[in-house]
Protein backbone atom coordinates (compact mmCIF):
# COMPACT_ATOMS: atom_id res chain seq x y z
CA MET A 1 27.17 -17.68 162.48
CA SER A 2 24.28 -16.34 160.36
CA THR A 3 22.79 -19.68 159.25
CA THR A 4 19.89 -19.15 161.67
CA SER A 5 18.55 -16.43 159.36
CA LYS A 6 16.14 -17.16 156.54
CA ALA A 7 19.03 -16.80 154.09
CA GLY A 8 21.10 -19.29 156.07
CA GLN A 9 18.24 -21.76 156.31
CA ARG A 10 17.89 -21.72 152.53
CA ILE A 11 21.54 -22.65 152.16
CA LEU A 12 21.15 -25.53 154.62
CA SER A 13 18.12 -26.76 152.68
CA VAL A 14 20.14 -26.96 149.46
CA LEU A 15 23.38 -28.50 150.77
CA ASP A 16 24.16 -31.89 152.27
CA GLU A 17 23.60 -31.95 156.03
CA ASN A 18 26.36 -30.39 158.15
CA SER A 19 28.47 -29.52 155.10
CA PHE A 20 28.18 -25.71 155.01
CA VAL A 21 31.19 -23.59 155.92
CA GLU A 22 30.48 -19.85 156.10
CA ILE A 23 32.91 -17.23 154.76
CA GLY A 24 32.83 -13.55 155.69
CA ALA A 25 30.29 -13.73 158.50
CA SER A 26 31.83 -10.65 160.16
CA VAL A 27 31.67 -8.41 157.09
CA THR A 28 29.50 -5.32 157.52
CA ALA A 29 28.73 -2.23 155.46
CA ARG A 30 31.37 0.53 155.35
CA SER A 31 29.08 3.39 154.48
CA THR A 32 27.56 5.56 157.22
CA ASP A 33 25.67 7.95 154.94
CA PHE A 34 22.02 8.54 155.87
CA ASN A 35 22.71 7.10 159.35
CA LEU A 36 23.52 3.68 157.92
CA ASN A 37 25.29 2.06 160.88
CA ALA A 38 27.62 -0.88 160.25
CA SER A 39 26.24 -2.73 163.28
CA ASP A 40 22.83 -2.83 161.61
CA THR A 41 24.08 -4.82 158.61
CA PRO A 42 25.21 -8.27 159.80
CA SER A 43 27.10 -10.07 157.02
CA ASP A 44 26.02 -7.05 154.95
CA GLY A 45 22.85 -8.83 153.97
CA VAL A 46 24.33 -11.89 152.26
CA VAL A 47 25.47 -15.24 153.65
CA THR A 48 28.36 -16.76 151.66
CA GLY A 49 30.31 -19.98 151.92
CA TYR A 50 30.78 -23.48 150.53
CA GLY A 51 29.52 -27.00 151.04
CA VAL A 52 28.64 -30.14 149.12
CA ILE A 53 25.68 -31.56 147.21
CA ASP A 54 25.80 -35.34 146.91
CA GLY A 55 29.51 -35.03 147.62
CA ASN A 56 30.07 -32.36 144.93
CA LEU A 57 31.74 -29.13 146.10
CA VAL A 58 29.68 -25.99 145.48
CA TYR A 59 29.92 -22.35 146.51
CA VAL A 60 26.74 -20.61 147.55
CA TYR A 61 25.50 -17.18 148.52
CA SER A 62 22.08 -16.32 149.92
CA GLN A 63 20.67 -12.82 150.30
CA ASP A 64 19.10 -11.96 153.65
CA PRO A 65 15.87 -9.93 153.26
CA SER A 66 15.91 -9.11 157.00
CA VAL A 67 19.01 -6.91 156.54
CA LEU A 68 18.03 -3.76 154.66
CA GLY A 69 15.78 -5.85 152.42
CA GLY A 70 18.75 -7.91 151.22
CA SER A 71 19.84 -4.86 149.24
CA ILE A 72 23.17 -4.95 147.46
CA GLY A 73 25.80 -2.75 149.07
CA GLU A 74 29.50 -2.46 148.33
CA MET A 75 30.65 -5.16 150.78
CA HIS A 76 27.64 -7.34 149.96
CA ALA A 77 28.69 -7.46 146.31
CA ARG A 78 32.36 -7.91 147.14
CA LYS A 79 31.54 -10.98 149.21
CA ILE A 80 29.93 -12.48 146.11
CA VAL A 81 32.93 -11.51 143.95
CA ASN A 82 35.25 -13.15 146.48
CA LEU A 83 33.14 -16.29 146.36
CA TYR A 84 33.53 -16.37 142.58
CA ASP A 85 37.30 -15.95 142.96
CA LEU A 86 37.43 -19.10 145.07
CA ALA A 87 35.06 -21.04 142.81
CA LEU A 88 37.14 -20.24 139.73
CA LYS A 89 40.37 -21.26 141.48
CA VAL A 90 39.08 -24.72 142.37
CA GLY A 91 36.58 -25.21 139.54
CA ALA A 92 33.26 -25.60 141.33
CA PRO A 93 29.71 -24.34 140.63
CA VAL A 94 28.27 -21.18 142.20
CA ILE A 95 24.69 -21.14 143.46
CA GLY A 96 23.02 -17.79 144.18
CA LEU A 97 19.83 -17.59 146.24
CA ILE A 98 18.19 -14.26 145.42
CA ASP A 99 15.89 -12.25 147.68
CA SER A 100 16.66 -8.54 147.43
CA THR A 101 15.13 -5.12 146.97
CA GLY A 102 18.01 -4.24 144.62
CA VAL A 103 20.89 -1.79 144.82
CA ARG A 104 21.26 -0.09 148.21
CA LEU A 105 20.40 3.56 147.65
CA GLU A 106 22.30 4.72 150.75
CA GLU A 107 25.55 3.56 149.11
CA SER A 108 24.72 4.90 145.66
CA MET A 109 27.64 4.66 143.23
CA ASP A 110 29.75 2.43 145.52
CA ALA A 111 27.00 -0.18 145.50
CA LEU A 112 26.32 0.22 141.79
CA ASN A 113 30.00 -0.19 140.90
CA ALA A 114 30.27 -3.25 143.11
CA LEU A 115 27.25 -4.80 141.36
CA GLY A 116 29.06 -4.19 138.07
CA GLU A 117 32.01 -6.14 139.47
CA VAL A 118 29.64 -9.05 140.10
CA TYR A 119 28.52 -8.84 136.45
CA ALA A 120 32.16 -8.90 135.30
CA GLN A 121 33.01 -11.89 137.48
CA MET A 122 29.99 -13.83 136.24
CA SER A 123 30.91 -13.06 132.64
CA LEU A 124 34.44 -14.32 133.28
CA ALA A 125 33.13 -17.50 134.89
CA SER A 126 30.72 -18.24 132.02
CA GLY A 127 31.72 -21.45 130.30
CA ILE A 128 34.20 -22.34 133.06
CA ILE A 129 31.95 -23.23 135.99
CA PRO A 130 28.17 -23.79 136.10
CA GLN A 131 26.25 -20.83 137.52
CA ILE A 132 22.84 -21.36 139.07
CA THR A 133 20.49 -18.79 140.59
CA ALA A 134 17.23 -19.26 142.43
CA VAL A 135 14.79 -16.40 143.05
CA PHE A 136 12.82 -16.67 146.28
CA GLY A 137 11.66 -13.11 146.90
CA SER A 138 12.19 -9.98 144.85
CA CYS A 139 14.67 -9.73 141.99
CA GLY A 140 14.23 -6.46 140.17
CA GLY A 141 16.07 -3.97 138.01
CA GLY A 142 19.79 -4.58 137.59
CA LEU A 143 19.67 -7.63 139.84
CA SER A 144 17.69 -9.48 137.16
CA VAL A 145 20.81 -9.29 135.00
CA VAL A 146 22.46 -11.65 137.50
CA THR A 147 19.86 -14.32 136.74
CA ALA A 148 20.31 -13.79 132.99
CA LEU A 149 24.09 -14.14 133.32
CA SER A 150 23.56 -17.48 135.04
CA ASP A 151 23.35 -20.75 133.17
CA PHE A 152 20.19 -21.89 134.92
CA THR A 153 17.52 -20.00 136.84
CA PHE A 154 15.01 -21.33 139.35
CA MET A 155 12.04 -19.27 140.52
CA GLU A 156 9.78 -19.90 143.49
CA ASN A 157 6.07 -19.66 142.72
CA LYS A 158 5.48 -16.45 144.71
CA ALA A 159 8.73 -14.72 143.75
CA LYS A 160 8.97 -11.58 141.59
CA MET A 161 11.54 -11.02 138.85
CA PHE A 162 11.64 -8.07 136.44
CA VAL A 163 13.73 -5.36 134.83
CA ASN A 164 10.79 -2.94 134.83
CA SER A 165 7.99 -3.63 137.29
CA PRO A 166 4.48 -4.10 135.83
CA ASP A 167 3.29 -0.65 136.89
CA ALA A 168 6.41 1.03 135.48
CA ILE A 169 5.63 -0.13 131.94
CA LYS A 170 3.55 2.41 130.02
CA GLY A 171 0.03 1.15 129.45
CA ASN A 172 0.47 -1.81 131.78
CA ASN A 173 -0.19 -2.78 135.38
CA ALA A 174 0.06 -5.94 137.44
CA ALA A 175 -3.63 -6.75 136.99
CA LYS A 176 -3.34 -6.48 133.21
CA CYS A 177 -0.06 -8.39 132.80
CA ASP A 178 2.16 -9.24 135.73
CA ASN A 179 5.47 -9.46 133.92
CA SER A 180 7.20 -10.07 137.24
CA ALA A 181 5.32 -13.30 137.98
CA VAL A 182 6.70 -16.79 137.51
CA ALA A 183 4.15 -17.62 134.80
CA PHE A 184 5.29 -14.73 132.58
CA GLN A 185 9.00 -15.25 133.24
CA SER A 186 8.92 -19.00 132.61
CA GLU A 187 6.29 -19.31 129.86
CA GLU A 188 6.54 -16.03 127.94
CA ALA A 189 10.01 -14.59 128.54
CA GLY A 190 11.91 -17.86 128.81
CA ASN A 191 14.09 -16.48 131.61
CA VAL A 192 13.32 -19.31 134.03
CA ASP A 193 14.41 -22.92 133.67
CA PHE A 194 12.60 -24.40 136.66
CA ALA A 195 9.61 -23.16 138.69
CA GLY A 196 7.94 -24.54 141.80
CA ASP A 197 7.57 -24.20 145.55
CA GLU A 198 10.60 -23.93 147.86
CA ALA A 199 10.94 -27.70 148.29
CA ASP A 200 10.80 -28.17 144.50
CA ILE A 201 13.55 -25.56 144.05
CA TYR A 202 15.88 -27.18 146.58
CA ASN A 203 15.38 -30.64 145.07
CA GLY A 204 15.76 -29.27 141.55
CA ILE A 205 19.06 -27.55 142.34
CA ARG A 206 20.42 -30.71 143.93
CA GLU A 207 19.39 -32.83 140.94
CA LEU A 208 20.89 -30.36 138.47
CA VAL A 209 24.21 -30.09 140.32
CA SER A 210 24.41 -33.87 140.53
CA ILE A 211 24.06 -34.32 136.77
CA LEU A 212 26.36 -31.46 135.69
CA PRO A 213 30.18 -31.45 135.62
CA GLY A 214 31.80 -29.24 138.24
CA ASN A 215 33.66 -27.25 135.60
CA CYS A 216 34.57 -27.23 131.91
CA GLU A 217 37.49 -29.62 132.41
CA SER A 218 35.80 -32.22 134.61
CA THR A 219 33.31 -34.97 133.82
CA ALA A 220 29.98 -35.94 135.35
CA PHE A 221 30.21 -39.75 135.40
CA ASP A 222 28.26 -42.26 137.47
CA ASP A 223 28.40 -46.03 137.39
CA CYS A 224 25.65 -47.29 135.11
CA GLU A 225 23.52 -50.15 136.39
CA ASP A 226 21.04 -49.96 133.51
CA ASP A 227 21.31 -52.46 130.63
CA LEU A 228 23.23 -50.80 127.81
CA ASN A 229 21.40 -52.94 125.23
CA ARG A 230 17.98 -52.48 126.80
CA ALA A 231 15.18 -52.35 124.23
CA CYS A 232 13.24 -49.08 124.25
CA ASP A 233 9.77 -50.60 124.36
CA GLY A 234 7.01 -48.18 123.42
CA ILE A 235 9.35 -45.48 122.12
CA ALA A 236 7.90 -45.70 118.60
CA GLY A 237 4.74 -44.02 119.88
CA CYS A 238 6.71 -41.12 121.35
CA ALA A 239 7.96 -39.43 118.18
CA GLY A 240 5.56 -36.58 118.99
CA ASP A 241 6.45 -36.14 122.65
CA THR A 242 10.21 -36.59 122.61
CA SER A 243 10.53 -35.71 126.31
CA VAL A 244 9.01 -39.14 126.95
CA ALA A 245 11.25 -40.72 124.31
CA LEU A 246 14.33 -39.26 126.00
CA SER A 247 13.23 -40.65 129.36
CA ILE A 248 12.93 -44.09 127.77
CA ILE A 249 16.42 -43.84 126.25
CA ALA A 250 18.10 -42.54 129.42
CA ASP A 251 19.82 -44.56 132.12
CA ASN A 252 17.20 -45.41 134.74
CA SER A 253 14.75 -43.09 132.89
CA GLN A 254 16.31 -39.97 134.46
CA PHE A 255 15.68 -36.82 132.41
CA VAL A 256 16.31 -33.31 133.76
CA GLU A 257 14.42 -30.96 131.44
CA THR A 258 15.34 -27.27 131.21
CA LYS A 259 12.90 -24.46 130.37
CA ALA A 260 10.07 -26.99 130.27
CA ASN A 261 7.40 -24.25 130.27
CA TYR A 262 8.96 -22.22 127.45
CA ALA A 263 8.79 -23.03 123.74
CA LYS A 264 7.37 -26.49 124.29
CA ASP A 265 7.97 -27.36 120.62
CA MET A 266 11.66 -27.73 121.52
CA VAL A 267 12.85 -30.00 124.34
CA THR A 268 16.21 -29.41 126.05
CA GLY A 269 17.80 -31.04 129.07
CA PHE A 270 20.19 -33.67 130.39
CA ILE A 271 20.18 -37.45 130.57
CA LYS A 272 22.72 -40.11 131.50
CA LEU A 273 23.89 -42.65 128.91
CA ASN A 274 26.21 -45.38 130.16
CA GLY A 275 26.85 -43.18 133.20
CA ASP A 276 27.91 -40.08 131.22
CA THR A 277 25.89 -36.87 131.16
CA VAL A 278 24.59 -35.98 127.69
CA GLY A 279 22.84 -32.80 126.60
CA VAL A 280 19.67 -33.51 124.63
CA ILE A 281 17.67 -31.42 122.17
CA ALA A 282 14.52 -32.62 120.47
CA ASN A 283 11.51 -31.40 118.49
CA ARG A 284 8.09 -31.93 120.06
CA SER A 285 4.65 -31.77 118.48
CA GLU A 286 2.52 -33.09 121.34
CA VAL A 287 2.51 -33.42 125.11
CA LEU A 288 1.61 -36.77 126.64
CA ASP A 289 0.34 -37.15 130.21
CA GLU A 290 1.50 -39.87 132.59
CA ASN A 291 -1.09 -42.23 131.09
CA GLY A 292 0.19 -41.71 127.56
CA LYS A 293 -2.78 -39.56 126.54
CA SER A 294 -2.13 -36.51 124.36
CA THR A 295 -3.05 -33.27 126.17
CA GLU A 296 -1.51 -30.72 123.75
CA LYS A 297 -0.78 -30.90 120.03
CA SER A 298 1.02 -28.63 117.59
CA ASP A 299 2.54 -28.75 114.13
CA SER A 300 5.97 -30.36 113.68
CA VAL A 301 7.65 -27.03 113.03
CA LEU A 302 10.45 -24.93 114.45
CA SER A 303 9.49 -21.71 116.22
CA ALA A 304 11.73 -18.70 116.81
CA ARG A 305 11.43 -19.29 120.55
CA GLY A 306 12.35 -22.94 120.19
CA LEU A 307 15.38 -22.09 118.06
CA GLU A 308 16.51 -19.51 120.62
CA LYS A 309 16.13 -22.04 123.43
CA ALA A 310 18.07 -24.72 121.57
CA SER A 311 20.99 -22.55 120.42
CA ALA A 312 21.75 -21.32 123.94
CA PHE A 313 21.63 -24.89 125.19
CA VAL A 314 24.04 -26.13 122.49
CA LYS A 315 26.52 -23.44 123.50
CA PHE A 316 26.33 -24.50 127.15
CA CYS A 317 26.92 -28.15 126.29
CA ASP A 318 29.86 -27.33 124.04
CA ALA A 319 31.44 -25.10 126.69
CA PHE A 320 31.27 -27.88 129.28
CA GLU A 321 32.32 -30.72 126.95
CA LEU A 322 28.95 -32.43 127.16
CA PRO A 323 28.07 -34.68 124.18
CA ILE A 324 24.90 -33.70 122.34
CA LEU A 325 22.05 -36.00 121.28
CA THR A 326 19.27 -34.67 119.07
CA LEU A 327 15.94 -36.25 118.17
CA THR A 328 14.69 -34.71 114.93
CA ASN A 329 11.08 -34.56 113.84
CA THR A 330 10.31 -31.39 111.90
CA GLU A 331 8.79 -30.46 108.58
CA GLY A 332 9.49 -26.74 108.43
CA PHE A 333 9.34 -23.40 110.22
CA LYS A 334 6.37 -21.97 112.08
CA SER A 335 4.47 -19.49 109.94
CA CYS A 336 3.42 -16.40 111.89
CA MET A 337 4.22 -12.70 111.66
CA CYS A 338 5.55 -12.49 115.22
CA GLY A 339 8.01 -15.31 114.71
CA GLU A 340 8.95 -14.22 111.21
CA LYS A 341 10.52 -11.06 112.62
CA ARG A 342 13.40 -13.07 114.05
CA MET A 343 13.06 -16.56 112.57
CA ALA A 344 16.04 -16.34 110.20
CA ARG A 345 18.25 -14.84 112.89
CA GLU A 346 17.40 -17.53 115.46
CA ALA A 347 17.77 -20.27 112.83
CA ALA A 348 21.21 -18.91 112.00
CA LYS A 349 22.20 -18.96 115.67
CA LEU A 350 21.23 -22.62 116.06
CA THR A 351 22.97 -23.54 112.81
CA ALA A 352 26.15 -21.80 113.93
CA ALA A 353 25.96 -23.34 117.39
CA PHE A 354 25.75 -26.88 116.01
CA ALA A 355 28.36 -26.24 113.32
CA SER A 356 30.80 -24.73 115.82
CA ALA A 357 30.34 -27.28 118.61
CA THR A 358 33.32 -29.63 118.83
CA VAL A 359 31.80 -32.14 121.26
CA PRO A 360 30.48 -35.52 120.03
CA LYS A 361 27.17 -34.97 118.23
CA VAL A 362 24.66 -37.69 117.42
CA ASN A 363 21.35 -37.17 115.63
CA VAL A 364 18.41 -39.56 115.51
CA ILE A 365 15.65 -38.82 113.00
CA VAL A 366 12.54 -40.14 114.70
CA GLY A 367 9.92 -38.70 112.35
CA LYS A 368 10.26 -36.17 109.55
CA SER A 369 13.36 -34.23 108.58
CA TYR A 370 12.17 -31.91 105.83
CA GLY A 371 13.82 -28.93 104.19
CA SER A 372 16.25 -26.52 105.79
CA ALA A 373 14.49 -27.01 109.13
CA GLY A 374 15.75 -30.59 109.09
CA VAL A 375 19.21 -29.44 108.01
CA ILE A 376 19.72 -27.13 111.00
CA MET A 377 18.64 -29.82 113.48
CA ASN A 378 22.15 -31.25 113.82
CA SER A 379 22.29 -32.85 110.37
CA LYS A 380 25.46 -34.33 108.92
CA ALA A 381 25.75 -31.26 106.70
CA ILE A 382 26.44 -29.03 109.71
CA GLY A 383 28.59 -31.44 111.67
CA ALA A 384 26.73 -34.37 113.20
CA ASP A 385 29.24 -37.17 113.74
CA MET A 386 26.66 -39.92 113.47
CA THR A 387 23.11 -39.79 112.13
CA PHE A 388 20.63 -42.57 112.74
CA ALA A 389 17.05 -42.73 111.47
CA TRP A 390 14.13 -44.85 112.53
CA ASN A 391 12.94 -47.14 109.75
CA THR A 392 9.65 -45.18 109.75
CA ALA A 393 11.36 -41.79 109.25
CA LYS A 394 11.06 -39.46 106.27
CA VAL A 395 13.98 -37.39 104.99
CA GLY A 396 13.68 -34.93 102.14
CA THR A 397 12.86 -31.47 100.89
CA MET A 398 9.14 -31.45 101.72
CA ASP A 399 6.04 -33.57 102.03
CA SER A 400 5.67 -35.71 98.89
CA LYS A 401 2.09 -34.51 98.19
CA LEU A 402 3.16 -30.87 98.23
CA ALA A 403 6.16 -31.65 96.04
CA ALA A 404 3.97 -33.51 93.55
CA GLN A 405 1.56 -30.58 93.29
CA ILE A 406 4.48 -28.35 92.33
CA ILE A 407 6.16 -30.82 89.98
CA CYS A 408 2.90 -31.87 88.29
CA ASP A 409 1.19 -28.51 88.30
CA GLY A 410 -1.77 -28.53 85.89
CA LYS A 411 -1.98 -32.31 85.65
CA SER A 412 -4.82 -34.58 86.77
CA SER A 413 -5.27 -35.73 90.37
CA ASP A 414 -4.34 -39.30 89.41
CA GLU A 415 -1.08 -38.12 87.88
CA ILE A 416 -0.35 -35.98 90.94
CA ASN A 417 -1.00 -38.94 93.27
CA GLU A 418 1.25 -41.19 91.21
CA CYS A 419 3.96 -38.51 91.23
CA ALA A 420 3.63 -38.17 95.02
CA LYS A 421 4.03 -41.92 95.46
CA LYS A 422 7.14 -41.96 93.28
CA TYR A 423 8.58 -38.86 94.95
CA ASP A 424 8.06 -40.39 98.37
CA GLU A 425 9.95 -43.51 97.29
CA LEU A 426 12.81 -41.77 95.49
CA GLN A 427 13.29 -38.61 97.54
CA ASN A 428 11.67 -38.92 100.99
CA GLY A 429 12.36 -42.52 101.89
CA VAL A 430 14.87 -43.07 104.69
CA GLU A 431 16.68 -45.69 102.60
CA SER A 432 17.16 -43.09 99.88
CA ALA A 433 18.83 -40.79 102.42
CA ALA A 434 21.00 -43.67 103.60
CA ARG A 435 22.13 -44.41 100.04
CA ARG A 436 23.25 -40.80 99.75
CA GLY A 437 25.22 -41.04 103.01
CA LEU A 438 22.96 -38.53 104.77
CA VAL A 439 21.94 -41.22 107.26
CA ASP A 440 24.59 -43.57 108.62
CA THR A 441 22.33 -46.34 109.85
CA VAL A 442 18.62 -47.08 109.66
CA ILE A 443 17.47 -48.57 112.96
CA ALA A 444 14.35 -49.93 114.59
CA PRO A 445 12.96 -47.50 117.18
CA GLU A 446 13.39 -49.97 120.02
CA ASP A 447 17.15 -50.19 119.31
CA THR A 448 17.74 -46.45 119.78
CA ARG A 449 19.39 -46.67 123.20
CA LYS A 450 22.05 -49.19 122.27
CA TYR A 451 22.93 -47.41 119.02
CA VAL A 452 23.37 -43.97 120.58
CA ILE A 453 25.38 -45.37 123.49
CA GLY A 454 27.61 -47.20 121.03
CA ALA A 455 28.07 -44.04 118.98
CA PHE A 456 29.04 -41.90 121.97
CA ASP A 457 31.40 -44.60 123.19
CA MET A 458 33.09 -44.62 119.77
CA LEU A 459 33.30 -40.80 119.78
CA TYR A 460 34.67 -40.54 123.31
CA THR A 461 38.15 -39.41 122.19
CA LYS A 462 36.91 -37.07 119.45
CA ALA A 463 39.29 -34.18 118.75
CA VAL A 464 38.68 -31.37 116.27
CA ASP A 465 41.02 -28.71 114.89
CA ILE A 466 39.18 -25.42 114.63
CA PRO A 467 40.25 -22.19 112.89
CA ASP A 468 42.34 -19.83 114.99
CA LYS A 469 39.89 -17.01 115.68
CA LYS A 470 38.67 -15.07 118.67
CA HIS A 471 35.01 -16.09 118.40
CA ALA A 472 32.17 -16.22 115.90
CA ALA A 473 30.04 -13.14 115.40
CA ILE A 474 26.73 -14.92 114.84
């Protein structure tokens, strides 16, 4: 049994104690080119098998860097493909622990073709079973595609992940910009959901598996011991940092945030409400520390990165039948040349994702919901089943002062101020939106938890007829 290797020890660190069952321990490489001897490749550099996490069945593979650098050979890849075959048959997540120098050069096209078969199997499994990868060592070239095909990616602080290494990029080097480092991959590229040391990675995988359904037809339900009508004390002060607001709303304050280091203006993750897992998406304009002090501030606007992050998350939730809760607080789109290059495209993707999602969708306007930015944040216009708004919220086309300056152009400051006051009352007031049916119920901030739980309970049996088409092209 190869669990004594570093690869095996990583598996044991992720799974429940004494639950791992290895598959294919006797598999070795078939190729003998360049003096590659089968006896030198135990398990062909990857340990595969199954076990449980908090009682949930999972399949797991772990690359062994002590066997030809954990390189991917023909049999190595086929062991992973076989693991996916089993996982798809029974409907259980696959966890990949990556530590590899890449495709095994001694096996050339056989290895490359086998890696392509892994790609195909992962593509087939997408939307059926959760796929999680964790990078502990090197993950370069074509192997990085495996992490991108996964639903969630973890990366150990000292690991390296790249398509092109820093020194292979013209005009760059590792000292100038280490694009393989965890900071770049999690903060700039957005390819990493969770980063930390090895212990953090193991705990993070276990927490994520425990909150996710095992497949697209199962549920992730736990008995709820938290008061369903519990008042959300202090939530009114968290309209800026909605990650804190979501923790307050959640059962037992559990919030698993994804891509926390990327596009911080958009929060995504999972919470439990009345025992059911719910996907959450929220705008954020500040970051609060554990003492409630603001450490970072930004405008209440949507960025291209934030839109990209949110649209992918909506698609995941819809694929796995997870209800979606949004907290909206935005007054427009971020104005910068870099973001402008793809802003409309990313906004369209999020709009289409919300409009196409058939799961229960609830929106809570916790601050401002201005213009088309507010519309694409899961508004009733694009399919929200229920929309609530805090009694302090603002809903409209734009800030009343800006609107007044346009409407009363050329008039005195007193007339502009009076126009702004009237515009705020007639067009931006939350009661005005409620009278138009754009908001279903105006609520006090502290009542948020009980209202959203009630809404999801009401929507539990939601069924939607959708047009008969292959898929959208957006």
